[in-house]
Each structure stands twice: as structure tokens, then as C-alpha cells.
Amino acid sequence: TLAPTMGNLCACPPNAKPERKETTLKYYAGMTCGGCSSAITRIAKSIEGVRDIQCDVAKKEVVVVGTMDEKTVTEKFTKWGEKSSKEVKLLESL
């Protein structure tokens, strides 16, 4: 049997989104110059939940840290890659 409930004991507002855990996403991005790095940085900073973004043009790596949605970041980076003829792929999600 189930224990009787004592009403809504949660202090969250009725339509509150659950808190997301902070994650680190590491991407391969075919960046070739500072312009590529600036574009990726600008895109990442426009995404809700991004706390930090690091681009390494020499390694062609991008690291994004925050509570952002992985799918959203991947979609936006992929769209940039398609428009700029650069390969983009998610390497790690930690």
C-alpha cells in the first residue's frame, strides 16, 4: 500500500524546469582561423546555460561547459559547419 500524501511539499513553482547538471561537451570543429573560433564562441554564448567556451584552432577542438542542452549545442554547431563547409562532431560528453 502507498503511504498517504501530505499535500504538495515541494517549494518549486508549479511549472519550474528541473535543474540540469553541469556538463562538459568536447567537439571536433574544422576551424581554420580566428574567424571560425569567433563564430563558434558567439554561437555558444547565445545558447542558454553555457557557462564557458574554449576554442583551440590548432587542435580543432571546442570545449563547452554549462547546463546547456547537448542537442541544442550540437545542432547549432552543425548548422555553422554546414554553412562554412567545416566538419563538426561531438567527441565527448562528460
C-alpha atoms as a PDB file:
ATOM      1  CA  THR A   1       0.000   0.000   0.000  1.00  0.00           C
ATOM      2  CA  LEU A   2       1.030   3.559  -0.575  1.00  0.00           C
ATOM      3  CA  ALA A   3       1.603   5.981   2.254  1.00  0.00           C
ATOM      4  CA  PRO A   4      -0.916   8.820   2.419  1.00  0.00           C
ATOM      5  CA  THR A   5       0.309  12.082   0.911  1.00  0.00           C
ATOM      6  CA  MET A   6       0.559  15.228   2.936  1.00  0.00           C
ATOM      7  CA  GLY A   7      -0.113  17.678   0.137  1.00  0.00           C
ATOM      8  CA  ASN A   8       2.427  19.299  -2.131  1.00  0.00           C
ATOM      9  CA  LEU A   9       5.564  19.624  -0.007  1.00  0.00           C
ATOM     10  CA  CYS A  10       7.723  20.827  -2.881  1.00  0.00           C
ATOM     11  CA  ALA A  11       8.622  24.527  -2.764  1.00  0.00           C
ATOM     12  CA  CYS A  12       9.180  24.680  -6.535  1.00  0.00           C
ATOM     13  CA  PRO A  13       6.943  26.923  -8.613  1.00  0.00           C
ATOM     14  CA  PRO A  14       4.278  24.847 -10.432  1.00  0.00           C
ATOM     15  CA  ASN A  15       5.908  24.959 -13.873  1.00  0.00           C
ATOM     16  CA  ALA A  16       9.579  25.056 -12.833  1.00  0.00           C
ATOM     17  CA  LYS A  17      12.029  23.251 -15.072  1.00  0.00           C
ATOM     18  CA  PRO A  18      14.171  20.671 -13.298  1.00  0.00           C
ATOM     19  CA  GLU A  19      17.737  21.846 -12.740  1.00  0.00           C
ATOM     20  CA  ARG A  20      20.207  20.431 -15.210  1.00  0.00           C
ATOM     21  CA  LYS A  21      23.502  19.017 -14.105  1.00  0.00           C
ATOM     22  CA  GLU A  22      26.563  20.865 -15.386  1.00  0.00           C
ATOM     23  CA  THR A  23      28.207  19.019 -18.256  1.00  0.00           C
ATOM     24  CA  THR A  24      31.267  19.412 -20.450  1.00  0.00           C
ATOM     25  CA  LEU A  25      30.929  18.849 -24.185  1.00  0.00           C
ATOM     26  CA  LYS A  26      34.010  18.405 -26.359  1.00  0.00           C
ATOM     27  CA  TYR A  27      33.696  18.831 -30.123  1.00  0.00           C
ATOM     28  CA  TYR A  28      35.891  18.450 -33.150  1.00  0.00           C
ATOM     29  CA  ALA A  29      35.269  21.536 -35.280  1.00  0.00           C
ATOM     30  CA  GLY A  30      37.149  22.097 -38.526  1.00  0.00           C
ATOM     31  CA  MET A  31      38.208  25.621 -37.529  1.00  0.00           C
ATOM     32  CA  THR A  32      40.976  27.108 -39.667  1.00  0.00           C
ATOM     33  CA  CYS A  33      41.293  30.655 -38.305  1.00  0.00           C
ATOM     34  CA  GLY A  34      40.346  33.140 -35.629  1.00  0.00           C
ATOM     35  CA  GLY A  35      37.168  33.965 -37.542  1.00  0.00           C
ATOM     36  CA  CYS A  36      35.992  30.368 -37.146  1.00  0.00           C
ATOM     37  CA  SER A  37      36.820  30.462 -33.438  1.00  0.00           C
ATOM     38  CA  SER A  38      34.967  33.769 -33.001  1.00  0.00           C
ATOM     39  CA  ALA A  39      31.888  32.416 -34.797  1.00  0.00           C
ATOM     40  CA  ILE A  40      31.800  29.251 -32.649  1.00  0.00           C
ATOM     41  CA  THR A  41      32.265  31.334 -29.487  1.00  0.00           C
ATOM     42  CA  ARG A  42      29.456  33.719 -30.494  1.00  0.00           C
ATOM     43  CA  ILE A  43      27.134  30.788 -31.238  1.00  0.00           C
ATOM     44  CA  ALA A  44      27.918  29.055 -27.940  1.00  0.00           C
ATOM     45  CA  LYS A  45      27.395  32.217 -25.896  1.00  0.00           C
ATOM     46  CA  SER A  46      23.929  32.613 -27.428  1.00  0.00           C
ATOM     47  CA  ILE A  47      22.843  29.236 -26.001  1.00  0.00           C
ATOM     48  CA  GLU A  48      21.071  29.232 -22.651  1.00  0.00           C
ATOM     49  CA  GLY A  49      23.110  27.529 -19.924  1.00  0.00           C
ATOM     50  CA  VAL A  50      26.576  27.904 -21.466  1.00  0.00           C
ATOM     51  CA  ARG A  51      28.981  28.994 -18.710  1.00  0.00           C
ATOM     52  CA  ASP A  52      32.314  28.683 -20.532  1.00  0.00           C
ATOM     53  CA  ILE A  53      33.598  28.100 -24.062  1.00  0.00           C
ATOM     54  CA  GLN A  54      37.177  27.328 -25.103  1.00  0.00           C
ATOM     55  CA  CYS A  55      38.317  27.051 -28.730  1.00  0.00           C
ATOM     56  CA  ASP A  56      41.664  25.641 -29.816  1.00  0.00           C
ATOM     57  CA  VAL A  57      42.096  26.323 -33.533  1.00  0.00           C
ATOM     58  CA  ALA A  58      45.371  24.343 -33.761  1.00  0.00           C
ATOM     59  CA  LYS A  59      43.742  21.201 -32.298  1.00  0.00           C
ATOM     60  CA  LYS A  60      40.395  21.988 -33.942  1.00  0.00           C
ATOM     61  CA  GLU A  61      38.690  21.391 -30.577  1.00  0.00           C
ATOM     62  CA  VAL A  62      35.888  23.217 -28.815  1.00  0.00           C
ATOM     63  CA  VAL A  63      35.001  22.645 -25.153  1.00  0.00           C
ATOM     64  CA  VAL A  64      31.662  23.940 -23.850  1.00  0.00           C
ATOM     65  CA  VAL A  65      30.822  23.874 -20.129  1.00  0.00           C
ATOM     66  CA  GLY A  66      27.457  24.558 -18.509  1.00  0.00           C
ATOM     67  CA  THR A  67      23.930  23.338 -18.013  1.00  0.00           C
ATOM     68  CA  MET A  68      23.025  23.707 -21.688  1.00  0.00           C
ATOM     69  CA  ASP A  69      21.164  21.135 -23.745  1.00  0.00           C
ATOM     70  CA  GLU A  70      23.610  18.916 -25.669  1.00  0.00           C
ATOM     71  CA  LYS A  71      21.245  18.547 -28.609  1.00  0.00           C
ATOM     72  CA  THR A  72      20.891  22.325 -28.997  1.00  0.00           C
ATOM     73  CA  VAL A  73      24.661  22.900 -28.967  1.00  0.00           C
ATOM     74  CA  THR A  74      25.250  20.089 -31.450  1.00  0.00           C
ATOM     75  CA  GLU A  75      22.532  21.351 -33.793  1.00  0.00           C
ATOM     76  CA  LYS A  76      23.848  24.932 -33.767  1.00  0.00           C
ATOM     77  CA  PHE A  77      27.483  23.891 -34.270  1.00  0.00           C
ATOM     78  CA  THR A  78      26.445  21.503 -37.068  1.00  0.00           C
ATOM     79  CA  LYS A  79      24.498  24.294 -38.781  1.00  0.00           C
ATOM     80  CA  TRP A  80      27.615  26.506 -38.615  1.00  0.00           C
ATOM     81  CA  GLY A  81      29.683  23.648 -40.044  1.00  0.00           C
ATOM     82  CA  GLU A  82      27.284  23.158 -42.954  1.00  0.00           C
ATOM     83  CA  LYS A  83      27.249  26.877 -43.791  1.00  0.00           C
ATOM     84  CA  SER A  84      31.032  27.183 -43.594  1.00  0.00           C
ATOM     85  CA  SER A  85      31.879  23.780 -45.133  1.00  0.00           C
ATOM     86  CA  LYS A  86      33.560  22.618 -41.910  1.00  0.00           C
ATOM     87  CA  GLU A  87      33.248  19.234 -40.229  1.00  0.00           C
ATOM     88  CA  VAL A  88      31.762  19.236 -36.719  1.00  0.00           C
ATOM     89  CA  LYS A  89      31.261  16.253 -34.443  1.00  0.00           C
ATOM     90  CA  LEU A  90      30.744  15.620 -30.741  1.00  0.00           C
ATOM     91  CA  LEU A  91      33.766  13.825 -29.285  1.00  0.00           C
ATOM     92  CA  GLU A  92      32.841  13.586 -25.590  1.00  0.00           C
ATOM     93  CA  SER A  93      30.055  14.409 -23.196  1.00  0.00           C
ATOM     94  CA  LEU A  94      31.256  14.429 -19.593  1.00  0.00           C
END
